[in-house]
Amino acid sequence: MTDTALKPLVCVPTYNERENIEKLINRILEEIPFADIMIIDDGSPDGTGGIVDKIASNEPRLHCIHREGKQGLGTAYIAAFKWALERDYTHCFEMDADFSHDPKDLPRLLEATKDFDIAIGSRFYAGRLSIVNWPLSRLILSMAASLYVRVIIGIPLWDCTTGFKCFRRKVLEHLPLDIVRSEGYSFQIDLNFRATRMGFRVGEIPIIFADRTEGGSKMSKKIVFEAIWRVWQLRWNGFMEDLGYFFKGKRRPMPGKEPDHL
């Protein structure tokens, strides 16, 4: 794949990110100038959406979906993915707006999709920690969450909850986006689980993750508890699906094993 054959879309959900958004947009376009950016703003009271619109009036690579009220991370990404699939984008990134995900890693993730269908920016790759400015309690929580996911549903990843990813178009074309209801941590787990079960190649690229310096964290107890029960729900759904195929004498479809046309 050459750069001229690629048309990636960097998807960034926002809620009250006025301190970061203009700097982030500029950095993304510097690091990956042939990409477009989609901001999904949930009616930020601080005017984030208005700032994006002002920049977009002079920047054709920038787009924005405005939503009423805080509707959640998962639905924001799904809205952006569907928008991309209606157009000719070849890849979609997931990325936070707070600079915890470094824009300089975008080309590395895109390059990794030559070998993987989903490239993940991993904070714990091969057991090595690469997180800056996190409190010990949150570090333990995040590492424990990934271990919990690996044990319960068997996703072979070191970092199961990271939100820094690059998807090849064919993955999004096959994922059942209309039925994914997960948010936060569980949204990332959900997509990883579905993609690996479908035979897509999911690979990890080590990154340096730095905690936000501007704005406030969106983490909440609700997000954590949702991830805990959602893992068991995914395991049960996967078991029932496999049981259904077994009794029908059929094999589960594996679109990730189809010939690669990209």
C-alpha atoms as a PDB file:
ATOM      1  CA  MET A   1       0.000   0.000   0.000  1.00  0.00           C
ATOM      2  CA  THR A   2       1.247   3.466  -0.850  1.00  0.00           C
ATOM      3  CA  ASP A   3       0.150   6.737   0.685  1.00  0.00           C
ATOM      4  CA  THR A   4      -1.583   7.745  -2.536  1.00  0.00           C
ATOM      5  CA  ALA A   5      -3.838   4.687  -2.228  1.00  0.00           C
ATOM      6  CA  LEU A   6      -4.875   5.500   1.324  1.00  0.00           C
ATOM      7  CA  LYS A   7      -7.647   7.724   2.587  1.00  0.00           C
ATOM      8  CA  PRO A   8      -7.818   7.489   6.399  1.00  0.00           C
ATOM      9  CA  LEU A   9     -10.304   9.214   8.674  1.00  0.00           C
ATOM     10  CA  VAL A  10      -9.232  10.152  12.206  1.00  0.00           C
ATOM     11  CA  CYS A  11     -12.320   9.978  14.452  1.00  0.00           C
ATOM     12  CA  VAL A  12     -12.214  12.058  17.645  1.00  0.00           C
ATOM     13  CA  PRO A  13     -15.186  12.246  20.061  1.00  0.00           C
ATOM     14  CA  THR A  14     -15.295  15.468  22.076  1.00  0.00           C
ATOM     15  CA  TYR A  15     -17.056  16.851  25.120  1.00  0.00           C
ATOM     16  CA  ASN A  16     -15.683  20.068  26.625  1.00  0.00           C
ATOM     17  CA  GLU A  17     -12.294  19.971  24.901  1.00  0.00           C
ATOM     18  CA  ARG A  18     -11.871  23.621  23.925  1.00  0.00           C
ATOM     19  CA  GLU A  19      -8.414  23.729  25.542  1.00  0.00           C
ATOM     20  CA  ASN A  20      -7.134  20.933  23.333  1.00  0.00           C
ATOM     21  CA  ILE A  21      -9.109  20.743  20.121  1.00  0.00           C
ATOM     22  CA  GLU A  22      -7.415  23.331  17.880  1.00  0.00           C
ATOM     23  CA  LYS A  23      -3.930  22.175  18.853  1.00  0.00           C
ATOM     24  CA  LEU A  24      -4.945  18.556  18.300  1.00  0.00           C
ATOM     25  CA  ILE A  25      -6.392  19.214  14.844  1.00  0.00           C
ATOM     26  CA  ASN A  26      -3.221  21.009  13.767  1.00  0.00           C
ATOM     27  CA  ARG A  27      -0.996  18.215  15.089  1.00  0.00           C
ATOM     28  CA  ILE A  28      -3.007  15.479  13.372  1.00  0.00           C
ATOM     29  CA  LEU A  29      -2.832  17.258  10.013  1.00  0.00           C
ATOM     30  CA  GLU A  30       0.911  17.785  10.456  1.00  0.00           C
ATOM     31  CA  GLU A  31       1.586  14.131  11.255  1.00  0.00           C
ATOM     32  CA  ILE A  32      -0.721  12.588   8.651  1.00  0.00           C
ATOM     33  CA  PRO A  33      -1.543  15.283   6.056  1.00  0.00           C
ATOM     34  CA  PHE A  34      -3.363  12.967   3.641  1.00  0.00           C
ATOM     35  CA  ALA A  35      -5.964  12.075   6.309  1.00  0.00           C
ATOM     36  CA  ASP A  36      -9.302  13.687   7.064  1.00  0.00           C
ATOM     37  CA  ILE A  37     -10.548  14.337  10.602  1.00  0.00           C
ATOM     38  CA  MET A  38     -14.034  13.722  11.962  1.00  0.00           C
ATOM     39  CA  ILE A  39     -14.892  15.410  15.258  1.00  0.00           C
ATOM     40  CA  ILE A  40     -18.010  14.027  16.966  1.00  0.00           C
ATOM     41  CA  ASP A  41     -19.082  16.668  19.457  1.00  0.00           C
ATOM     42  CA  ASP A  42     -21.796  15.941  22.004  1.00  0.00           C
ATOM     43  CA  GLY A  43     -23.074  19.476  22.394  1.00  0.00           C
ATOM     44  CA  SER A  44     -20.093  20.619  24.475  1.00  0.00           C
ATOM     45  CA  PRO A  45     -21.215  23.460  26.768  1.00  0.00           C
ATOM     46  CA  ASP A  46     -17.746  25.013  26.507  1.00  0.00           C
ATOM     47  CA  GLY A  47     -18.159  25.668  22.767  1.00  0.00           C
ATOM     48  CA  THR A  48     -15.851  22.954  21.415  1.00  0.00           C
ATOM     49  CA  GLY A  49     -18.180  22.350  18.468  1.00  0.00           C
ATOM     50  CA  GLY A  50     -18.171  26.028  17.495  1.00  0.00           C
ATOM     51  CA  ILE A  51     -14.367  26.108  17.507  1.00  0.00           C
ATOM     52  CA  VAL A  52     -14.310  23.067  15.201  1.00  0.00           C
ATOM     53  CA  ASP A  53     -16.820  24.663  12.812  1.00  0.00           C
ATOM     54  CA  LYS A  54     -14.717  27.819  12.611  1.00  0.00           C
ATOM     55  CA  ILE A  55     -11.587  25.827  11.722  1.00  0.00           C
ATOM     56  CA  ALA A  56     -13.516  23.642   9.264  1.00  0.00           C
ATOM     57  CA  SER A  57     -14.709  26.695   7.330  1.00  0.00           C
ATOM     58  CA  ASN A  58     -11.118  27.041   6.059  1.00  0.00           C
ATOM     59  CA  GLU A  59     -10.002  23.401   6.272  1.00  0.00           C
ATOM     60  CA  PRO A  60     -11.664  20.919   3.871  1.00  0.00           C
ATOM     61  CA  ARG A  61     -10.022  17.954   5.622  1.00  0.00           C
ATOM     62  CA  LEU A  62     -11.967  18.655   8.819  1.00  0.00           C
ATOM     63  CA  HIS A  63     -15.552  17.501   9.399  1.00  0.00           C
ATOM     64  CA  CYS A  64     -17.846  17.587  12.415  1.00  0.00           C
ATOM     65  CA  ILE A  65     -20.929  15.719  13.587  1.00  0.00           C
ATOM     66  CA  HIS A  66     -22.890  17.742  16.148  1.00  0.00           C
ATOM     67  CA  ARG A  67     -25.048  15.735  18.556  1.00  0.00           C
ATOM     68  CA  GLU A  68     -27.454  16.956  21.196  1.00  0.00           C
ATOM     69  CA  GLY A  69     -26.235  16.180  24.680  1.00  0.00           C
ATOM     70  CA  LYS A  70     -23.717  13.694  25.984  1.00  0.00           C
ATOM     71  CA  GLN A  71     -24.568  10.430  24.194  1.00  0.00           C
ATOM     72  CA  GLY A  72     -21.432   8.417  24.900  1.00  0.00           C
ATOM     73  CA  LEU A  73     -18.183   7.291  23.341  1.00  0.00           C
ATOM     74  CA  GLY A  74     -19.452   4.140  21.637  1.00  0.00           C
ATOM     75  CA  THR A  75     -22.287   5.798  19.732  1.00  0.00           C
ATOM     76  CA  ALA A  76     -19.943   8.632  18.742  1.00  0.00           C
ATOM     77  CA  TYR A  77     -17.498   6.248  17.095  1.00  0.00           C
ATOM     78  CA  ILE A  78     -20.283   4.277  15.426  1.00  0.00           C
ATOM     79  CA  ALA A  79     -21.701   7.480  13.936  1.00  0.00           C
ATOM     80  CA  ALA A  80     -18.261   8.340  12.546  1.00  0.00           C
ATOM     81  CA  PHE A  81     -17.667   4.815  11.218  1.00  0.00           C
ATOM     82  CA  LYS A  82     -20.998   4.809   9.388  1.00  0.00           C
ATOM     83  CA  TRP A  83     -20.222   8.229   7.927  1.00  0.00           C
ATOM     84  CA  ALA A  84     -16.885   6.907   6.687  1.00  0.00           C
ATOM     85  CA  LEU A  85     -18.428   3.768   5.168  1.00  0.00           C
ATOM     86  CA  GLU A  86     -20.784   5.940   3.124  1.00  0.00           C
ATOM     87  CA  ARG A  87     -17.686   7.448   1.542  1.00  0.00           C
ATOM     88  CA  ASP A  88     -14.413   6.094   0.156  1.00  0.00           C
ATOM     89  CA  TYR A  89     -12.251   6.063   3.292  1.00  0.00           C
ATOM     90  CA  THR A  90      -9.862   3.121   3.504  1.00  0.00           C
ATOM     91  CA  HIS A  91      -9.089   3.299   7.247  1.00  0.00           C
ATOM     92  CA  CYS A  92     -10.630   4.723  10.422  1.00  0.00           C
ATOM     93  CA  PHE A  93      -8.746   5.744  13.551  1.00  0.00           C
ATOM     94  CA  GLU A  94     -10.091   5.993  17.078  1.00  0.00           C
ATOM     95  CA  MET A  95      -8.356   8.678  19.100  1.00  0.00           C
ATOM     96  CA  ASP A  96      -8.925  10.687  22.293  1.00  0.00           C
ATOM     97  CA  ALA A  97      -9.009  14.481  22.200  1.00  0.00           C
ATOM     98  CA  ASP A  98      -6.849  15.106  25.276  1.00  0.00           C
ATOM     99  CA  PHE A  99      -3.364  14.344  23.859  1.00  0.00           C
ATOM    100  CA  SER A 100      -3.080  11.138  25.872  1.00  0.00           C
ATOM    101  CA  HIS A 101      -2.774   9.610  22.407  1.00  0.00           C
ATOM    102  CA  ASP A 102       0.170  11.207  20.625  1.00  0.00           C
ATOM    103  CA  PRO A 103      -0.605  12.223  16.999  1.00  0.00           C
ATOM    104  CA  LYS A 104       2.924  11.227  15.992  1.00  0.00           C
ATOM    105  CA  ASP A 105       1.869   7.595  16.463  1.00  0.00           C
ATOM    106  CA  LEU A 106      -0.850   7.817  13.788  1.00  0.00           C
ATOM    107  CA  PRO A 107       1.520   6.955  10.887  1.00  0.00           C
ATOM    108  CA  ARG A 108       2.888   4.004  12.891  1.00  0.00           C
ATOM    109  CA  LEU A 109      -0.594   2.583  13.434  1.00  0.00           C
ATOM    110  CA  LEU A 110      -1.484   3.080   9.781  1.00  0.00           C
ATOM    111  CA  GLU A 111       1.727   1.355   8.695  1.00  0.00           C
ATOM    112  CA  ALA A 112       0.917  -1.562  11.006  1.00  0.00           C
ATOM    113  CA  THR A 113      -2.321  -2.217   9.103  1.00  0.00           C
ATOM    114  CA  LYS A 114      -0.176  -3.695   6.344  1.00  0.00           C
ATOM    115  CA  ASP A 115       0.173  -6.678   8.716  1.00  0.00           C
ATOM    116  CA  PHE A 116      -3.004  -6.348  10.813  1.00  0.00           C
ATOM    117  CA  ASP A 117      -6.657  -5.593  10.165  1.00  0.00           C
ATOM    118  CA  ILE A 118      -6.809  -3.603  13.411  1.00  0.00           C
ATOM    119  CA  ALA A 119      -3.687  -1.937  14.806  1.00  0.00           C
ATOM    120  CA  ILE A 120      -3.903  -1.074  18.500  1.00  0.00           C
ATOM    121  CA  GLY A 121      -1.796   1.469  20.369  1.00  0.00           C
ATOM    122  CA  SER A 122      -0.852  -0.607  23.407  1.00  0.00           C
ATOM    123  CA  ARG A 123       0.058   0.837  26.817  1.00  0.00           C
ATOM    124  CA  PHE A 124       1.149  -2.533  28.219  1.00  0.00           C
ATOM    125  CA  TYR A 125       2.701  -4.254  25.203  1.00  0.00           C
ATOM    126  CA  ALA A 126       4.500  -7.456  26.212  1.00  0.00           C
ATOM    127  CA  GLY A 127       3.975  -6.516  29.855  1.00  0.00           C
ATOM    128  CA  ARG A 128       6.010  -3.293  29.579  1.00  0.00           C
ATOM    129  CA  LEU A 129       4.381  -0.206  31.082  1.00  0.00           C
ATOM    130  CA  SER A 130       4.471   3.003  29.026  1.00  0.00           C
ATOM    131  CA  ILE A 131       2.140   5.378  30.877  1.00  0.00           C
ATOM    132  CA  VAL A 132       3.058   8.861  32.079  1.00  0.00           C
ATOM    133  CA  ASN A 133       1.432  10.815  34.941  1.00  0.00           C
ATOM    134  CA  TRP A 134      -1.216   8.247  35.908  1.00  0.00           C
ATOM    135  CA  PRO A 135      -2.005   7.663  39.589  1.00  0.00           C
ATOM    136  CA  LEU A 136      -1.136   4.179  40.804  1.00  0.00           C
ATOM    137  CA  SER A 137      -4.811   3.364  41.440  1.00  0.00           C
ATOM    138  CA  ARG A 138      -5.806   3.984  37.816  1.00  0.00           C
ATOM    139  CA  LEU A 139      -2.776   2.112  36.497  1.00  0.00           C
ATOM    140  CA  ILE A 140      -3.699  -0.950  38.558  1.00  0.00           C
ATOM    141  CA  LEU A 141      -7.334  -0.673  37.449  1.00  0.00           C
ATOM    142  CA  SER A 142      -6.448  -0.553  33.762  1.00  0.00           C
ATOM    143  CA  MET A 143      -3.948  -3.426  33.926  1.00  0.00           C
ATOM    144  CA  ALA A 144      -6.381  -5.526  35.972  1.00  0.00           C
ATOM    145  CA  ALA A 145      -9.136  -4.811  33.444  1.00  0.00           C
ATOM    146  CA  SER A 146      -7.036  -6.150  30.566  1.00  0.00           C
ATOM    147  CA  LEU A 147      -6.079  -9.252  32.546  1.00  0.00           C
ATOM    148  CA  TYR A 148      -9.738  -9.781  33.480  1.00  0.00           C
ATOM    149  CA  VAL A 149     -10.789  -9.585  29.809  1.00  0.00           C
ATOM    150  CA  ARG A 150      -8.067 -11.984  28.670  1.00  0.00           C
ATOM    151  CA  VAL A 151      -9.076 -14.553  31.283  1.00  0.00           C
ATOM    152  CA  ILE A 152     -12.861 -14.326  30.810  1.00  0.00           C
ATOM    153  CA  ILE A 153     -13.234 -14.050  27.032  1.00  0.00           C
ATOM    154  CA  GLY A 154      -9.783 -14.984  25.800  1.00  0.00           C
ATOM    155  CA  ILE A 155      -8.866 -11.925  23.728  1.00  0.00           C
ATOM    156  CA  PRO A 156      -5.128 -12.411  23.055  1.00  0.00           C
ATOM    157  CA  LEU A 157      -4.120  -8.799  23.710  1.00  0.00           C
ATOM    158  CA  TRP A 158      -1.991  -7.133  26.365  1.00  0.00           C
ATOM    159  CA  ASP A 159      -4.094  -3.960  26.302  1.00  0.00           C
ATOM    160  CA  CYS A 160      -7.772  -4.816  25.821  1.00  0.00           C
ATOM    161  CA  THR A 161      -9.267  -1.442  26.728  1.00  0.00           C
ATOM    162  CA  THR A 162      -7.161   1.075  24.822  1.00  0.00           C
ATOM    163  CA  GLY A 163      -9.026   3.586  22.676  1.00  0.00           C
ATOM    164  CA  PHE A 164      -6.192   4.312  20.209  1.00  0.00           C
ATOM    165  CA  LYS A 165      -6.760   2.156  17.127  1.00  0.00           C
ATOM    166  CA  CYS A 166      -6.681   2.004  13.358  1.00  0.00           C
ATOM    167  CA  PHE A 167      -9.259  -0.148  11.537  1.00  0.00           C
ATOM    168  CA  ARG A 168      -9.057  -1.258   7.958  1.00  0.00           C
ATOM    169  CA  ARG A 169     -12.292  -0.564   6.114  1.00  0.00           C
ATOM    170  CA  LYS A 170     -13.150  -4.231   5.630  1.00  0.00           C
ATOM    171  CA  VAL A 171     -13.361  -4.742   9.407  1.00  0.00           C
ATOM    172  CA  LEU A 172     -15.951  -2.007   9.835  1.00  0.00           C
ATOM    173  CA  GLU A 173     -17.893  -3.334   6.858  1.00  0.00           C
ATOM    174  CA  HIS A 174     -18.343  -6.679   8.633  1.00  0.00           C
ATOM    175  CA  LEU A 175     -18.793  -5.581  12.253  1.00  0.00           C
ATOM    176  CA  PRO A 176     -22.492  -5.394  13.282  1.00  0.00           C
ATOM    177  CA  LEU A 177     -22.341  -1.709  14.184  1.00  0.00           C
ATOM    178  CA  ASP A 178     -26.124  -1.384  14.498  1.00  0.00           C
ATOM    179  CA  ILE A 179     -26.285  -3.794  17.439  1.00  0.00           C
ATOM    180  CA  VAL A 180     -23.240  -2.634  19.417  1.00  0.00           C
ATOM    181  CA  ARG A 181     -24.541  -0.887  22.535  1.00  0.00           C
ATOM    182  CA  SER A 182     -21.381  -0.750  24.661  1.00  0.00           C
ATOM    183  CA  GLU A 183     -19.743   2.442  25.941  1.00  0.00           C
ATOM    184  CA  GLY A 184     -16.361   3.415  27.377  1.00  0.00           C
ATOM    185  CA  TYR A 185     -14.021   0.535  28.203  1.00  0.00           C
ATOM    186  CA  SER A 186     -16.640  -2.013  27.195  1.00  0.00           C
ATOM    187  CA  PHE A 187     -16.961  -0.528  23.691  1.00  0.00           C
ATOM    188  CA  GLN A 188     -13.289  -1.238  23.049  1.00  0.00           C
ATOM    189  CA  ILE A 189     -13.612  -4.741  24.502  1.00  0.00           C
ATOM    190  CA  ASP A 190     -16.746  -5.388  22.443  1.00  0.00           C
ATOM    191  CA  LEU A 191     -15.144  -4.490  19.100  1.00  0.00           C
ATOM    192  CA  ASN A 192     -11.959  -6.428  19.911  1.00  0.00           C
ATOM    193  CA  PHE A 193     -14.000  -9.497  20.847  1.00  0.00           C
ATOM    194  CA  ARG A 194     -16.187  -9.401  17.747  1.00  0.00           C
ATOM    195  CA  ALA A 195     -13.267  -8.761  15.398  1.00  0.00           C
ATOM    196  CA  THR A 196     -11.084 -11.582  16.742  1.00  0.00           C
ATOM    197  CA  ARG A 197     -14.008 -14.038  16.640  1.00  0.00           C
ATOM    198  CA  MET A 198     -14.548 -13.089  13.001  1.00  0.00           C
ATOM    199  CA  GLY A 199     -10.952 -13.975  12.189  1.00  0.00           C
ATOM    200  CA  PHE A 200      -9.563 -10.483  11.728  1.00  0.00           C
ATOM    201  CA  ARG A 201      -5.938  -9.935  12.641  1.00  0.00           C
ATOM    202  CA  VAL A 202      -5.614  -7.649  15.669  1.00  0.00           C
ATOM    203  CA  GLY A 203      -2.105  -6.500  16.522  1.00  0.00           C
ATOM    204  CA  GLU A 204      -0.535  -4.244  19.145  1.00  0.00           C
ATOM    205  CA  ILE A 205       1.952  -1.432  18.637  1.00  0.00           C
ATOM    206  CA  PRO A 206       3.670  -0.038  21.767  1.00  0.00           C
ATOM    207  CA  ILE A 207       2.938   3.619  22.492  1.00  0.00           C
ATOM    208  CA  ILE A 208       3.671   6.132  25.238  1.00  0.00           C
ATOM    209  CA  PHE A 209       0.406   7.113  26.921  1.00  0.00           C
ATOM    210  CA  ALA A 210       0.394  10.449  28.773  1.00  0.00           C
ATOM    211  CA  ASP A 211      -2.469  11.534  31.025  1.00  0.00           C
ATOM    212  CA  ARG A 212      -4.309  14.690  29.988  1.00  0.00           C
ATOM    213  CA  THR A 213      -2.916  18.061  31.049  1.00  0.00           C
ATOM    214  CA  GLU A 214      -5.964  20.154  30.021  1.00  0.00           C
ATOM    215  CA  GLY A 215      -9.652  19.539  30.809  1.00  0.00           C
ATOM    216  CA  GLY A 216     -11.172  16.849  32.977  1.00  0.00           C
ATOM    217  CA  SER A 217     -11.240  13.061  32.802  1.00  0.00           C
ATOM    218  CA  LYS A 218     -14.395  11.365  31.444  1.00  0.00           C
ATOM    219  CA  MET A 219     -13.813   8.215  33.532  1.00  0.00           C
ATOM    220  CA  SER A 220     -16.648   7.216  35.873  1.00  0.00           C
ATOM    221  CA  LYS A 221     -17.754   4.298  38.050  1.00  0.00           C
ATOM    222  CA  LYS A 222     -20.564   3.631  35.588  1.00  0.00           C
ATOM    223  CA  ILE A 223     -18.047   3.026  32.782  1.00  0.00           C
ATOM    224  CA  VAL A 224     -16.043   0.619  34.950  1.00  0.00           C
ATOM    225  CA  PHE A 225     -19.075  -1.364  36.122  1.00  0.00           C
ATOM    226  CA  GLU A 226     -20.437  -1.596  32.596  1.00  0.00           C
ATOM    227  CA  ALA A 227     -17.165  -3.136  31.423  1.00  0.00           C
ATOM    228  CA  ILE A 228     -17.244  -5.720  34.239  1.00  0.00           C
ATOM    229  CA  TRP A 229     -20.682  -7.127  33.397  1.00  0.00           C
ATOM    230  CA  ARG A 230     -20.331  -6.643  29.642  1.00  0.00           C
ATOM    231  CA  VAL A 231     -17.397  -9.068  29.530  1.00  0.00           C
ATOM    232  CA  TRP A 232     -19.583 -11.854  30.930  1.00  0.00           C
ATOM    233  CA  GLN A 233     -22.388 -10.952  28.538  1.00  0.00           C
ATOM    234  CA  LEU A 234     -19.997 -11.199  25.593  1.00  0.00           C
ATOM    235  CA  ARG A 235     -18.763 -14.574  26.788  1.00  0.00           C
ATOM    236  CA  TRP A 236     -22.328 -15.871  27.109  1.00  0.00           C
ATOM    237  CA  ASN A 237     -23.374 -14.508  23.716  1.00  0.00           C
ATOM    238  CA  GLY A 238     -20.315 -16.042  22.092  1.00  0.00           C
ATOM    239  CA  PHE A 239     -21.029 -19.404  23.708  1.00  0.00           C
ATOM    240  CA  MET A 240     -24.656 -19.385  22.558  1.00  0.00           C
ATOM    241  CA  GLU A 241     -23.671 -18.360  19.048  1.00  0.00           C
ATOM    242  CA  ASP A 242     -21.135 -21.189  18.809  1.00  0.00           C
ATOM    243  CA  LEU A 243     -23.702 -23.623  20.205  1.00  0.00           C
ATOM    244  CA  GLY A 244     -26.176 -22.574  17.543  1.00  0.00           C
ATOM    245  CA  TYR A 245     -23.693 -23.192  14.747  1.00  0.00           C
ATOM    246  CA  PHE A 246     -22.782 -26.554  16.297  1.00  0.00           C
ATOM    247  CA  PHE A 247     -26.361 -27.818  16.298  1.00  0.00           C
ATOM    248  CA  LYS A 248     -26.892 -26.523  12.769  1.00  0.00           C
ATOM    249  CA  GLY A 249     -23.755 -28.335  11.636  1.00  0.00           C
ATOM    250  CA  LYS A 250     -22.298 -25.101  10.268  1.00  0.00           C
ATOM    251  CA  ARG A 251     -19.098 -23.180  10.765  1.00  0.00           C
ATOM    252  CA  ARG A 252     -19.111 -19.652  12.069  1.00  0.00           C
ATOM    253  CA  PRO A 253     -18.474 -17.190   9.168  1.00  0.00           C
ATOM    254  CA  MET A 254     -14.936 -15.820   9.214  1.00  0.00           C
ATOM    255  CA  PRO A 255     -14.797 -12.764   6.924  1.00  0.00           C
ATOM    256  CA  GLY A 256     -11.329 -11.941   8.223  1.00  0.00           C
ATOM    257  CA  LYS A 257     -10.047 -15.039   6.436  1.00  0.00           C
ATOM    258  CA  GLU A 258     -11.286 -13.856   3.049  1.00  0.00           C
ATOM    259  CA  PRO A 259      -8.744 -12.760   0.410  1.00  0.00           C
ATOM    260  CA  ASP A 260      -7.469  -9.238   1.035  1.00  0.00           C
ATOM    261  CA  HIS A 261      -8.489  -6.798  -1.677  1.00  0.00           C
ATOM    262  CA  LEU A 262      -7.158  -3.585  -0.129  1.00  0.00           C
END
